[in-house]
Amino acid sequence: MRLPTVHWGSPGWAHAMWAALVVVLLLAWMWRQRRRDAVRFAGAGAWRVSAWRRWTRTAMVVGATGAMGVALARPQTDPRERDVSVRGRDVVFLVDVSRSMLATDLAPSRLERAKLWIKDVAAGLAGDRVALVAFAGASVVACPLTLDYGFFTMALDELSPRSVPRGGTLIGDAIRKTIAQVFDPAARHRDIILITDGEDQESFPVEAAGEAGKQGVRIIAIGVGSETGAAVPAEAGGTMREAGTEVRSRQDAAGLAKIAAASAGGVYLNVGTGTIDLDRVYADLVAASEKSEVKASASVEYAERFPWFLAIALAMLFVEGFIRDRA
């Protein structure tokens, strides 16, 4: 006869079963103390305790503790697959990680503030597949399209200028790579949320956005940083300088507006040095838009068996309460 496979719903609680050992040691110590006190005050003849009753009570308490530990770990059996259809959109967060995004005209920096905004969005995601692409002078897919929002957030935490092999800002190349390598060509409802200061270095971003628009991809461009400029931190400390002049990074608002306008239904949001409720923007512009079936998967459901062990624990404690020590 083949035993059923057991799955644990809360495996972390399995360590609670070690409490049974602690109970054994505690009961042994209590019995020893009681015996010593009885002999001390009434003599050896005063300690007349039925050994089998004592061990039965001990077994009941220990067994109840162990059964409670098993119940807390939630044993499950009889797995059954259930088809789940998820409707949503494919959304790629295209994040500028060039050194200019380390400027502190947004505290603690442009990049860190952008990561906080995206985390706010991730906390409320439900059904949309999301991806993360970091770009500067090159582009790197930090997280492919996924419904695993925990993994997405972990990838987001790791973003820094070191996420890409080259410095600079090539927005057009990043858009083209996203279209070619990240999006599913068969998907219909797709968005790029571009967060950058917009200082592109001749990668023809407007043309790239136009090509994305022809494929039905909408670009929501979020411009960060002062339009008057902010100092760019150097890797070795201090600020970056070229020919003795401090390098200052300015948001290219006009360029970002053109990028957004070139895509299908694109939107440009000039945050500047202020802030934005990106989760609310996402809800209004993305979550409320038309959706398609982005994934059909089979989820596994199990039959919960913890009530059995909970009942065993309660029954043992009930029986233990009726057993007297003395014969």
C-alpha atoms as a PDB file:
ATOM      1  CA  MET A   1       0.000   0.000   0.000  1.00  0.00           C
ATOM      2  CA  ARG A   2       1.437   3.318  -1.086  1.00  0.00           C
ATOM      3  CA  LEU A   3       1.421   6.050   1.534  1.00  0.00           C
ATOM      4  CA  PRO A   4       0.030   9.444   0.453  1.00  0.00           C
ATOM      5  CA  THR A   5       2.477  12.245  -0.290  1.00  0.00           C
ATOM      6  CA  VAL A   6       2.392  14.884   2.419  1.00  0.00           C
ATOM      7  CA  HIS A   7       2.775  18.575   1.610  1.00  0.00           C
ATOM      8  CA  TRP A   8       3.329  21.092   4.387  1.00  0.00           C
ATOM      9  CA  GLY A   9       1.387  24.349   4.183  1.00  0.00           C
ATOM     10  CA  SER A  10       3.468  26.082   6.872  1.00  0.00           C
ATOM     11  CA  PRO A  11       6.725  24.116   7.060  1.00  0.00           C
ATOM     12  CA  GLY A  12       8.343  26.723   9.298  1.00  0.00           C
ATOM     13  CA  TRP A  13       6.132  25.553  12.156  1.00  0.00           C
ATOM     14  CA  ALA A  14       7.555  22.012  11.934  1.00  0.00           C
ATOM     15  CA  HIS A  15      10.195  23.126  14.439  1.00  0.00           C
ATOM     16  CA  ALA A  16       7.386  23.479  16.988  1.00  0.00           C
ATOM     17  CA  MET A  17       7.454  19.685  17.304  1.00  0.00           C
ATOM     18  CA  TRP A  18      10.734  20.065  19.182  1.00  0.00           C
ATOM     19  CA  ALA A  19       8.604  21.504  21.961  1.00  0.00           C
ATOM     20  CA  ALA A  20       7.647  17.893  22.791  1.00  0.00           C
ATOM     21  CA  LEU A  21      11.240  17.281  23.893  1.00  0.00           C
ATOM     22  CA  VAL A  22      11.176  20.426  25.992  1.00  0.00           C
ATOM     23  CA  VAL A  23       7.948  19.207  27.623  1.00  0.00           C
ATOM     24  CA  VAL A  24       9.566  15.837  28.462  1.00  0.00           C
ATOM     25  CA  LEU A  25      12.488  17.565  30.170  1.00  0.00           C
ATOM     26  CA  LEU A  26      10.198  20.001  31.973  1.00  0.00           C
ATOM     27  CA  LEU A  27       7.911  17.229  33.265  1.00  0.00           C
ATOM     28  CA  ALA A  28      10.885  15.163  34.418  1.00  0.00           C
ATOM     29  CA  TRP A  29      12.184  18.142  36.358  1.00  0.00           C
ATOM     30  CA  MET A  30       8.733  18.821  37.888  1.00  0.00           C
ATOM     31  CA  TRP A  31       8.290  15.182  38.973  1.00  0.00           C
ATOM     32  CA  ARG A  32      11.722  15.207  40.545  1.00  0.00           C
ATOM     33  CA  GLN A  33      10.974  18.433  42.425  1.00  0.00           C
ATOM     34  CA  ARG A  34       7.625  17.117  43.692  1.00  0.00           C
ATOM     35  CA  ARG A  35       9.183  13.866  44.868  1.00  0.00           C
ATOM     36  CA  ARG A  36      12.013  15.682  46.660  1.00  0.00           C
ATOM     37  CA  ASP A  37       9.585  18.058  48.387  1.00  0.00           C
ATOM     38  CA  ALA A  38       7.247  15.221  49.453  1.00  0.00           C
ATOM     39  CA  VAL A  39      10.115  13.161  50.901  1.00  0.00           C
ATOM     40  CA  ARG A  40      11.577  16.200  52.632  1.00  0.00           C
ATOM     41  CA  PHE A  41       8.384  17.157  54.451  1.00  0.00           C
ATOM     42  CA  ALA A  42       6.573  13.811  54.946  1.00  0.00           C
ATOM     43  CA  GLY A  43       9.183  11.098  54.576  1.00  0.00           C
ATOM     44  CA  ALA A  44       9.845   8.549  51.852  1.00  0.00           C
ATOM     45  CA  GLY A  45       6.555   6.753  52.506  1.00  0.00           C
ATOM     46  CA  ALA A  46       4.570   9.821  51.481  1.00  0.00           C
ATOM     47  CA  TRP A  47       5.551   9.463  47.836  1.00  0.00           C
ATOM     48  CA  ARG A  48       3.200   6.806  46.584  1.00  0.00           C
ATOM     49  CA  VAL A  49       2.576   7.551  42.926  1.00  0.00           C
ATOM     50  CA  SER A  50       1.447   5.038  40.346  1.00  0.00           C
ATOM     51  CA  ALA A  51       4.279   4.745  37.836  1.00  0.00           C
ATOM     52  CA  TRP A  52       2.030   3.772  34.941  1.00  0.00           C
ATOM     53  CA  ARG A  53      -0.314   6.680  35.650  1.00  0.00           C
ATOM     54  CA  ARG A  54       2.576   9.076  35.787  1.00  0.00           C
ATOM     55  CA  TRP A  55       4.001   7.813  32.495  1.00  0.00           C
ATOM     56  CA  THR A  56       0.552   7.782  30.885  1.00  0.00           C
ATOM     57  CA  ARG A  57      -0.004  11.425  31.824  1.00  0.00           C
ATOM     58  CA  THR A  58       3.446  12.288  30.520  1.00  0.00           C
ATOM     59  CA  ALA A  59       2.772  10.467  27.259  1.00  0.00           C
ATOM     60  CA  MET A  60      -0.542  12.306  26.849  1.00  0.00           C
ATOM     61  CA  VAL A  61       1.022  15.759  27.350  1.00  0.00           C
ATOM     62  CA  VAL A  62       4.005  15.011  25.106  1.00  0.00           C
ATOM     63  CA  GLY A  63       1.776  13.493  22.434  1.00  0.00           C
ATOM     64  CA  ALA A  64      -0.554  16.482  22.530  1.00  0.00           C
ATOM     65  CA  THR A  65       2.402  18.859  22.161  1.00  0.00           C
ATOM     66  CA  GLY A  66       3.743  16.925  19.181  1.00  0.00           C
ATOM     67  CA  ALA A  67       0.309  16.728  17.537  1.00  0.00           C
ATOM     68  CA  MET A  68      -0.139  20.478  18.012  1.00  0.00           C
ATOM     69  CA  GLY A  69       3.226  21.060  16.301  1.00  0.00           C
ATOM     70  CA  VAL A  70       2.154  18.917  13.356  1.00  0.00           C
ATOM     71  CA  ALA A  71      -1.158  20.806  13.152  1.00  0.00           C
ATOM     72  CA  LEU A  72       0.657  24.160  13.068  1.00  0.00           C
ATOM     73  CA  ALA A  73       2.800  22.902  10.159  1.00  0.00           C
ATOM     74  CA  ARG A  74      -0.466  22.216   8.262  1.00  0.00           C
ATOM     75  CA  PRO A  75      -0.051  18.767   6.696  1.00  0.00           C
ATOM     76  CA  GLN A  76      -1.842  18.497   3.339  1.00  0.00           C
ATOM     77  CA  THR A  77      -2.586  15.537   1.066  1.00  0.00           C
ATOM     78  CA  ASP A  78      -4.571  14.658  -2.076  1.00  0.00           C
ATOM     79  CA  PRO A  79      -3.161  17.285  -4.464  1.00  0.00           C
ATOM     80  CA  ARG A  80      -5.505  18.381  -7.243  1.00  0.00           C
ATOM     81  CA  GLU A  81      -4.709  20.643 -10.168  1.00  0.00           C
ATOM     82  CA  ARG A  82      -7.067  23.486 -10.984  1.00  0.00           C
ATOM     83  CA  ASP A  83      -6.808  25.621 -14.108  1.00  0.00           C
ATOM     84  CA  VAL A  84      -6.480  29.336 -13.407  1.00  0.00           C
ATOM     85  CA  SER A  85      -6.916  32.045 -16.036  1.00  0.00           C
ATOM     86  CA  VAL A  86      -5.312  35.410 -15.320  1.00  0.00           C
ATOM     87  CA  ARG A  87      -6.234  38.571 -17.153  1.00  0.00           C
ATOM     88  CA  GLY A  88      -3.975  41.588 -17.249  1.00  0.00           C
ATOM     89  CA  ARG A  89      -1.453  43.573 -19.240  1.00  0.00           C
ATOM     90  CA  ASP A  90       2.243  43.145 -19.997  1.00  0.00           C
ATOM     91  CA  VAL A  91       4.128  46.038 -18.400  1.00  0.00           C
ATOM     92  CA  VAL A  92       7.866  46.721 -18.602  1.00  0.00           C
ATOM     93  CA  PHE A  93       9.472  49.181 -16.198  1.00  0.00           C
ATOM     94  CA  LEU A  94      12.320  50.740 -18.160  1.00  0.00           C
ATOM     95  CA  VAL A  95      14.570  52.398 -15.580  1.00  0.00           C
ATOM     96  CA  ASP A  96      17.516  54.690 -16.253  1.00  0.00           C
ATOM     97  CA  VAL A  97      20.462  53.652 -14.044  1.00  0.00           C
ATOM     98  CA  SER A  98      23.065  56.034 -15.491  1.00  0.00           C
ATOM     99  CA  ARG A  99      25.167  58.040 -13.053  1.00  0.00           C
ATOM    100  CA  SER A 100      23.029  61.113 -13.658  1.00  0.00           C
ATOM    101  CA  MET A 101      20.225  59.239 -11.865  1.00  0.00           C
ATOM    102  CA  LEU A 102      22.337  59.449  -8.688  1.00  0.00           C
ATOM    103  CA  ALA A 103      21.820  63.228  -8.566  1.00  0.00           C
ATOM    104  CA  THR A 104      20.272  64.245  -5.269  1.00  0.00           C
ATOM    105  CA  ASP A 105      17.789  66.873  -6.454  1.00  0.00           C
ATOM    106  CA  LEU A 106      15.329  64.119  -5.465  1.00  0.00           C
ATOM    107  CA  ALA A 107      16.186  62.664  -2.068  1.00  0.00           C
ATOM    108  CA  PRO A 108      17.906  60.323  -1.524  1.00  0.00           C
ATOM    109  CA  SER A 109      18.561  60.237  -5.296  1.00  0.00           C
ATOM    110  CA  ARG A 110      16.616  60.137  -8.524  1.00  0.00           C
ATOM    111  CA  LEU A 111      17.194  56.393  -8.872  1.00  0.00           C
ATOM    112  CA  GLU A 112      16.304  55.469  -5.298  1.00  0.00           C
ATOM    113  CA  ARG A 113      13.140  57.557  -5.454  1.00  0.00           C
ATOM    114  CA  ALA A 114      12.155  55.793  -8.694  1.00  0.00           C
ATOM    115  CA  LYS A 115      12.664  52.405  -7.031  1.00  0.00           C
ATOM    116  CA  LEU A 116      10.412  53.440  -4.138  1.00  0.00           C
ATOM    117  CA  TRP A 117       7.666  54.486  -6.564  1.00  0.00           C
ATOM    118  CA  ILE A 118       7.859  51.167  -8.397  1.00  0.00           C
ATOM    119  CA  LYS A 119       7.718  49.251  -5.100  1.00  0.00           C
ATOM    120  CA  ASP A 120       4.456  51.054  -4.323  1.00  0.00           C
ATOM    121  CA  VAL A 121       3.089  49.744  -7.615  1.00  0.00           C
ATOM    122  CA  ALA A 122       4.369  46.207  -7.013  1.00  0.00           C
ATOM    123  CA  ALA A 123       2.597  46.069  -3.656  1.00  0.00           C
ATOM    124  CA  GLY A 124      -0.779  46.324  -5.374  1.00  0.00           C
ATOM    125  CA  LEU A 125      -0.194  44.250  -8.515  1.00  0.00           C
ATOM    126  CA  ALA A 126      -2.733  41.583  -9.387  1.00  0.00           C
ATOM    127  CA  GLY A 127      -2.817  39.846 -12.768  1.00  0.00           C
ATOM    128  CA  ASP A 128      -0.428  42.017 -14.793  1.00  0.00           C
ATOM    129  CA  ARG A 129       2.846  40.493 -15.922  1.00  0.00           C
ATOM    130  CA  VAL A 130       5.718  42.854 -15.150  1.00  0.00           C
ATOM    131  CA  ALA A 131       9.328  43.043 -16.257  1.00  0.00           C
ATOM    132  CA  LEU A 132      12.295  45.231 -15.365  1.00  0.00           C
ATOM    133  CA  VAL A 133      14.898  46.573 -17.779  1.00  0.00           C
ATOM    134  CA  ALA A 134      17.839  48.664 -16.585  1.00  0.00           C
ATOM    135  CA  PHE A 135      19.585  50.909 -19.089  1.00  0.00           C
ATOM    136  CA  ALA A 136      22.348  53.437 -19.421  1.00  0.00           C
ATOM    137  CA  GLY A 137      24.837  53.117 -22.296  1.00  0.00           C
ATOM    138  CA  ALA A 138      23.617  49.518 -22.606  1.00  0.00           C
ATOM    139  CA  SER A 139      20.446  47.700 -21.577  1.00  0.00           C
ATOM    140  CA  VAL A 140      20.041  44.673 -19.303  1.00  0.00           C
ATOM    141  CA  VAL A 141      16.894  42.662 -18.647  1.00  0.00           C
ATOM    142  CA  ALA A 142      16.932  42.511 -14.856  1.00  0.00           C
ATOM    143  CA  CYS A 143      13.628  40.629 -14.646  1.00  0.00           C
ATOM    144  CA  PRO A 144      11.684  39.048 -17.539  1.00  0.00           C
ATOM    145  CA  LEU A 145       7.899  39.199 -17.703  1.00  0.00           C
ATOM    146  CA  THR A 146       6.561  37.473 -14.623  1.00  0.00           C
ATOM    147  CA  LEU A 147       3.692  37.165 -12.205  1.00  0.00           C
ATOM    148  CA  ASP A 148       6.180  36.536  -9.399  1.00  0.00           C
ATOM    149  CA  TYR A 149       6.061  39.989  -7.847  1.00  0.00           C
ATOM    150  CA  GLY A 150       8.434  38.974  -5.053  1.00  0.00           C
ATOM    151  CA  PHE A 151      11.167  38.143  -7.576  1.00  0.00           C
ATOM    152  CA  PHE A 152      10.424  41.370  -9.430  1.00  0.00           C
ATOM    153  CA  THR A 153      10.891  43.379  -6.230  1.00  0.00           C
ATOM    154  CA  MET A 154      14.167  41.589  -5.453  1.00  0.00           C
ATOM    155  CA  ALA A 155      15.483  42.492  -8.910  1.00  0.00           C
ATOM    156  CA  LEU A 156      14.359  46.084  -8.363  1.00  0.00           C
ATOM    157  CA  ASP A 157      16.315  46.307  -5.099  1.00  0.00           C
ATOM    158  CA  GLU A 158      19.527  45.404  -6.955  1.00  0.00           C
ATOM    159  CA  LEU A 159      19.334  48.225  -9.503  1.00  0.00           C
ATOM    160  CA  SER A 160      22.335  50.545  -9.573  1.00  0.00           C
ATOM    161  CA  PRO A 161      24.701  52.045 -12.162  1.00  0.00           C
ATOM    162  CA  ARG A 162      26.642  48.773 -11.896  1.00  0.00           C
ATOM    163  CA  SER A 163      23.639  46.879 -13.274  1.00  0.00           C
ATOM    164  CA  VAL A 164      24.781  47.725 -16.818  1.00  0.00           C
ATOM    165  CA  PRO A 165      28.232  47.405 -18.415  1.00  0.00           C
ATOM    166  CA  ARG A 166      28.421  50.895 -19.918  1.00  0.00           C
ATOM    167  CA  GLY A 167      27.572  54.393 -18.801  1.00  0.00           C
ATOM    168  CA  GLY A 168      25.658  56.952 -20.801  1.00  0.00           C
ATOM    169  CA  THR A 169      21.967  57.193 -21.674  1.00  0.00           C
ATOM    170  CA  LEU A 170      20.638  55.412 -24.762  1.00  0.00           C
ATOM    171  CA  ILE A 171      16.868  55.469 -24.402  1.00  0.00           C
ATOM    172  CA  GLY A 172      16.177  54.460 -28.000  1.00  0.00           C
ATOM    173  CA  ASP A 173      18.314  51.320 -27.743  1.00  0.00           C
ATOM    174  CA  ALA A 174      16.574  50.398 -24.478  1.00  0.00           C
ATOM    175  CA  ILE A 175      13.120  50.709 -26.095  1.00  0.00           C
ATOM    176  CA  ARG A 176      14.191  48.628 -29.084  1.00  0.00           C
ATOM    177  CA  LYS A 177      15.654  45.894 -26.849  1.00  0.00           C
ATOM    178  CA  THR A 178      12.488  45.809 -24.747  1.00  0.00           C
ATOM    179  CA  ILE A 179      10.326  45.326 -27.852  1.00  0.00           C
ATOM    180  CA  ALA A 180      12.610  42.674 -29.318  1.00  0.00           C
ATOM    181  CA  GLN A 181      13.579  40.663 -26.227  1.00  0.00           C
ATOM    182  CA  VAL A 182      11.072  41.223 -23.439  1.00  0.00           C
ATOM    183  CA  PHE A 183       7.562  41.562 -24.812  1.00  0.00           C
ATOM    184  CA  ASP A 184       5.591  38.607 -26.109  1.00  0.00           C
ATOM    185  CA  PRO A 185       4.832  39.469 -29.760  1.00  0.00           C
ATOM    186  CA  ALA A 186       1.480  37.680 -29.473  1.00  0.00           C
ATOM    187  CA  ALA A 187       0.320  39.850 -26.555  1.00  0.00           C
ATOM    188  CA  ARG A 188      -1.952  42.770 -27.458  1.00  0.00           C
ATOM    189  CA  HIS A 189      -2.023  44.985 -24.370  1.00  0.00           C
ATOM    190  CA  ARG A 190       1.472  46.206 -23.609  1.00  0.00           C
ATOM    191  CA  ASP A 191       2.964  49.208 -21.813  1.00  0.00           C
ATOM    192  CA  ILE A 192       6.410  50.619 -21.139  1.00  0.00           C
ATOM    193  CA  ILE A 193       6.807  52.777 -18.051  1.00  0.00           C
ATOM    194  CA  LEU A 194       9.970  54.757 -18.736  1.00  0.00           C
ATOM    195  CA  ILE A 195      11.617  56.513 -15.780  1.00  0.00           C
ATOM    196  CA  THR A 196      14.556  58.702 -16.713  1.00  0.00           C
ATOM    197  CA  ASP A 197      15.970  62.207 -16.723  1.00  0.00           C
ATOM    198  CA  GLY A 198      15.850  61.995 -20.511  1.00  0.00           C
ATOM    199  CA  GLU A 199      19.369  63.053 -21.476  1.00  0.00           C
ATOM    200  CA  ASP A 200      19.622  60.746 -24.490  1.00  0.00           C
ATOM    201  CA  GLN A 201      22.878  60.444 -26.402  1.00  0.00           C
ATOM    202  CA  GLU A 202      21.698  60.210 -30.014  1.00  0.00           C
ATOM    203  CA  SER A 203      20.025  56.782 -29.932  1.00  0.00           C
ATOM    204  CA  PHE A 204      16.972  58.123 -31.818  1.00  0.00           C
ATOM    205  CA  PRO A 205      14.479  57.496 -29.008  1.00  0.00           C
ATOM    206  CA  VAL A 206      11.548  59.209 -30.756  1.00  0.00           C
ATOM    207  CA  GLU A 207      11.926  56.925 -33.755  1.00  0.00           C
ATOM    208  CA  ALA A 208      12.148  53.890 -31.431  1.00  0.00           C
ATOM    209  CA  ALA A 209       8.999  55.034 -29.619  1.00  0.00           C
ATOM    210  CA  GLY A 210       7.255  55.428 -32.968  1.00  0.00           C
ATOM    211  CA  GLU A 211       8.121  51.840 -33.909  1.00  0.00           C
ATOM    212  CA  ALA A 212       6.836  50.686 -30.521  1.00  0.00           C
ATOM    213  CA  GLY A 213       3.613  52.591 -31.148  1.00  0.00           C
ATOM    214  CA  LYS A 214       3.121  50.840 -34.479  1.00  0.00           C
ATOM    215  CA  GLN A 215       3.224  47.540 -32.594  1.00  0.00           C
ATOM    216  CA  GLY A 216       0.598  48.731 -30.143  1.00  0.00           C
ATOM    217  CA  VAL A 217       2.991  49.475 -27.266  1.00  0.00           C
ATOM    218  CA  ARG A 218       2.153  52.519 -25.159  1.00  0.00           C
ATOM    219  CA  ILE A 219       4.943  54.466 -23.460  1.00  0.00           C
ATOM    220  CA  ILE A 220       4.292  56.253 -20.178  1.00  0.00           C
ATOM    221  CA  ALA A 221       7.334  58.501 -19.737  1.00  0.00           C
ATOM    222  CA  ILE A 222       8.096  59.827 -16.270  1.00  0.00           C
ATOM    223  CA  GLY A 223      10.639  62.615 -16.236  1.00  0.00           C
ATOM    224  CA  VAL A 224      12.688  63.111 -13.078  1.00  0.00           C
ATOM    225  CA  GLY A 225      15.230  65.720 -12.140  1.00  0.00           C
ATOM    226  CA  SER A 226      15.572  69.449 -12.288  1.00  0.00           C
ATOM    227  CA  GLU A 227      15.389  71.181 -15.667  1.00  0.00           C
ATOM    228  CA  THR A 228      17.998  73.664 -14.399  1.00  0.00           C
ATOM    229  CA  GLY A 229      20.444  70.880 -13.537  1.00  0.00           C
ATOM    230  CA  ALA A 230      21.936  69.062 -10.557  1.00  0.00           C
ATOM    231  CA  ALA A 231      25.466  67.870  -9.838  1.00  0.00           C
ATOM    232  CA  VAL A 232      26.255  64.241 -10.724  1.00  0.00           C
ATOM    233  CA  PRO A 233      28.092  62.272  -7.988  1.00  0.00           C
ATOM    234  CA  ALA A 234      31.403  60.746  -9.029  1.00  0.00           C
ATOM    235  CA  GLU A 235      32.174  57.104  -8.282  1.00  0.00           C
ATOM    236  CA  ALA A 236      35.264  58.026  -6.281  1.00  0.00           C
ATOM    237  CA  GLY A 237      33.435  60.698  -4.290  1.00  0.00           C
ATOM    238  CA  GLY A 238      32.643  64.326  -4.870  1.00  0.00           C
ATOM    239  CA  THR A 239      31.047  65.354  -8.155  1.00  0.00           C
ATOM    240  CA  MET A 240      31.871  64.505 -11.754  1.00  0.00           C
ATOM    241  CA  ARG A 241      33.932  67.058 -13.688  1.00  0.00           C
ATOM    242  CA  GLU A 242      34.924  67.448 -17.292  1.00  0.00           C
ATOM    243  CA  ALA A 243      37.808  69.765 -18.157  1.00  0.00           C
ATOM    244  CA  GLY A 244      37.551  71.172 -14.634  1.00  0.00           C
ATOM    245  CA  THR A 245      33.863  72.008 -14.981  1.00  0.00           C
ATOM    246  CA  GLU A 246      31.256  70.353 -12.792  1.00  0.00           C
ATOM    247  CA  VAL A 247      28.964  68.039 -14.729  1.00  0.00           C
ATOM    248  CA  ARG A 248      25.300  68.867 -14.188  1.00  0.00           C
ATOM    249  CA  SER A 249      22.366  66.724 -15.245  1.00  0.00           C
ATOM    250  CA  ARG A 250      19.155  68.323 -16.541  1.00  0.00           C
ATOM    251  CA  GLN A 251      15.846  66.691 -17.330  1.00  0.00           C
ATOM    252  CA  ASP A 252      15.092  66.804 -21.046  1.00  0.00           C
ATOM    253  CA  ALA A 253      11.363  67.469 -20.669  1.00  0.00           C
ATOM    254  CA  ALA A 254      10.845  68.325 -24.335  1.00  0.00           C
ATOM    255  CA  GLY A 255      12.551  65.130 -25.486  1.00  0.00           C
ATOM    256  CA  LEU A 256      10.558  62.922 -23.132  1.00  0.00           C
ATOM    257  CA  ALA A 257       7.303  64.535 -24.220  1.00  0.00           C
ATOM    258  CA  LYS A 258       8.154  63.683 -27.848  1.00  0.00           C
ATOM    259  CA  ILE A 259       8.975  60.080 -26.913  1.00  0.00           C
ATOM    260  CA  ALA A 260       5.625  59.619 -25.203  1.00  0.00           C
ATOM    261  CA  ALA A 261       3.707  61.320 -28.010  1.00  0.00           C
ATOM    262  CA  ALA A 262       5.311  59.053 -30.618  1.00  0.00           C
ATOM    263  CA  SER A 263       3.770  55.923 -29.075  1.00  0.00           C
ATOM    264  CA  ALA A 264       0.162  54.767 -29.224  1.00  0.00           C
ATOM    265  CA  GLY A 265      -1.702  56.742 -26.556  1.00  0.00           C
ATOM    266  CA  GLY A 266       1.536  57.682 -24.798  1.00  0.00           C
ATOM    267  CA  VAL A 267       1.622  59.877 -21.708  1.00  0.00           C
ATOM    268  CA  TYR A 268       4.384  62.150 -20.369  1.00  0.00           C
ATOM    269  CA  LEU A 269       4.451  63.038 -16.677  1.00  0.00           C
ATOM    270  CA  ASN A 270       6.949  65.685 -15.602  1.00  0.00           C
ATOM    271  CA  VAL A 271       7.762  64.911 -11.965  1.00  0.00           C
ATOM    272  CA  GLY A 272      10.850  67.108 -11.872  1.00  0.00           C
ATOM    273  CA  THR A 273      12.064  67.357  -8.295  1.00  0.00           C
ATOM    274  CA  GLY A 274       8.646  66.630  -6.828  1.00  0.00           C
ATOM    275  CA  THR A 275       6.942  63.326  -6.229  1.00  0.00           C
ATOM    276  CA  ILE A 276       4.295  61.130  -7.821  1.00  0.00           C
ATOM    277  CA  ASP A 277       1.819  58.539  -6.602  1.00  0.00           C
ATOM    278  CA  LEU A 278       2.916  56.026  -9.200  1.00  0.00           C
ATOM    279  CA  ASP A 279       0.602  53.366  -7.787  1.00  0.00           C
ATOM    280  CA  ARG A 280      -2.366  55.674  -8.431  1.00  0.00           C
ATOM    281  CA  VAL A 281      -1.092  56.569 -11.896  1.00  0.00           C
ATOM    282  CA  TYR A 282      -0.702  52.861 -12.607  1.00  0.00           C
ATOM    283  CA  ALA A 283      -4.247  52.183 -11.427  1.00  0.00           C
ATOM    284  CA  ASP A 284      -5.654  54.946 -13.631  1.00  0.00           C
ATOM    285  CA  LEU A 285      -3.592  54.396 -16.783  1.00  0.00           C
ATOM    286  CA  VAL A 286      -2.688  50.700 -16.740  1.00  0.00           C
ATOM    287  CA  ALA A 287      -4.852  48.672 -14.399  1.00  0.00           C
ATOM    288  CA  ALA A 288      -8.017  50.338 -15.681  1.00  0.00           C
ATOM    289  CA  SER A 289      -7.118  49.733 -19.343  1.00  0.00           C
ATOM    290  CA  GLU A 290      -8.234  46.834 -21.504  1.00  0.00           C
ATOM    291  CA  LYS A 291      -6.730  43.505 -20.515  1.00  0.00           C
ATOM    292  CA  SER A 292      -6.118  40.167 -22.151  1.00  0.00           C
ATOM    293  CA  GLU A 293      -5.429  36.678 -20.907  1.00  0.00           C
ATOM    294  CA  VAL A 294      -1.738  36.812 -20.092  1.00  0.00           C
ATOM    295  CA  LYS A 295      -1.380  33.385 -18.537  1.00  0.00           C
ATOM    296  CA  ALA A 296      -3.316  30.201 -18.056  1.00  0.00           C
ATOM    297  CA  SER A 297      -1.758  28.025 -15.384  1.00  0.00           C
ATOM    298  CA  ALA A 298      -2.628  25.086 -13.204  1.00  0.00           C
ATOM    299  CA  SER A 299      -2.613  25.746  -9.496  1.00  0.00           C
ATOM    300  CA  VAL A 300      -2.340  22.838  -7.082  1.00  0.00           C
ATOM    301  CA  GLU A 301      -4.816  22.608  -4.235  1.00  0.00           C
ATOM    302  CA  TYR A 302      -4.424  20.269  -1.250  1.00  0.00           C
ATOM    303  CA  ALA A 303      -6.800  18.843   1.317  1.00  0.00           C
ATOM    304  CA  GLU A 304      -6.004  20.233   4.763  1.00  0.00           C
ATOM    305  CA  ARG A 305      -5.311  17.561   7.409  1.00  0.00           C
ATOM    306  CA  PHE A 306      -4.366  19.737  10.379  1.00  0.00           C
ATOM    307  CA  PRO A 307      -7.838  19.372  12.005  1.00  0.00           C
ATOM    308  CA  TRP A 308      -7.091  15.683  12.595  1.00  0.00           C
ATOM    309  CA  PHE A 309      -3.965  16.468  14.580  1.00  0.00           C
ATOM    310  CA  LEU A 310      -5.654  19.321  16.416  1.00  0.00           C
ATOM    311  CA  ALA A 311      -8.407  16.905  17.463  1.00  0.00           C
ATOM    312  CA  ILE A 312      -5.799  14.362  18.612  1.00  0.00           C
ATOM    313  CA  ALA A 313      -4.041  17.014  20.720  1.00  0.00           C
ATOM    314  CA  LEU A 314      -7.280  18.118  22.374  1.00  0.00           C
ATOM    315  CA  ALA A 315      -8.342  14.511  23.028  1.00  0.00           C
ATOM    316  CA  MET A 316      -5.010  13.711  24.694  1.00  0.00           C
ATOM    317  CA  LEU A 317      -5.216  16.760  26.925  1.00  0.00           C
ATOM    318  CA  PHE A 318      -8.807  15.853  27.816  1.00  0.00           C
ATOM    319  CA  VAL A 319      -7.815  12.298  28.813  1.00  0.00           C
ATOM    320  CA  GLU A 320      -4.765  13.525  30.719  1.00  0.00           C
ATOM    321  CA  GLY A 321      -6.993  15.697  32.873  1.00  0.00           C
ATOM    322  CA  PHE A 322      -8.884  12.650  34.197  1.00  0.00           C
ATOM    323  CA  ILE A 323      -5.823  10.604  35.168  1.00  0.00           C
ATOM    324  CA  ARG A 324      -4.857  10.915  38.847  1.00  0.00           C
ATOM    325  CA  ASP A 325      -1.302  10.426  40.030  1.00  0.00           C
ATOM    326  CA  ARG A 326      -2.103   8.260  43.026  1.00  0.00           C
ATOM    327  CA  ALA A 327      -3.388   4.720  42.808  1.00  0.00           C
END
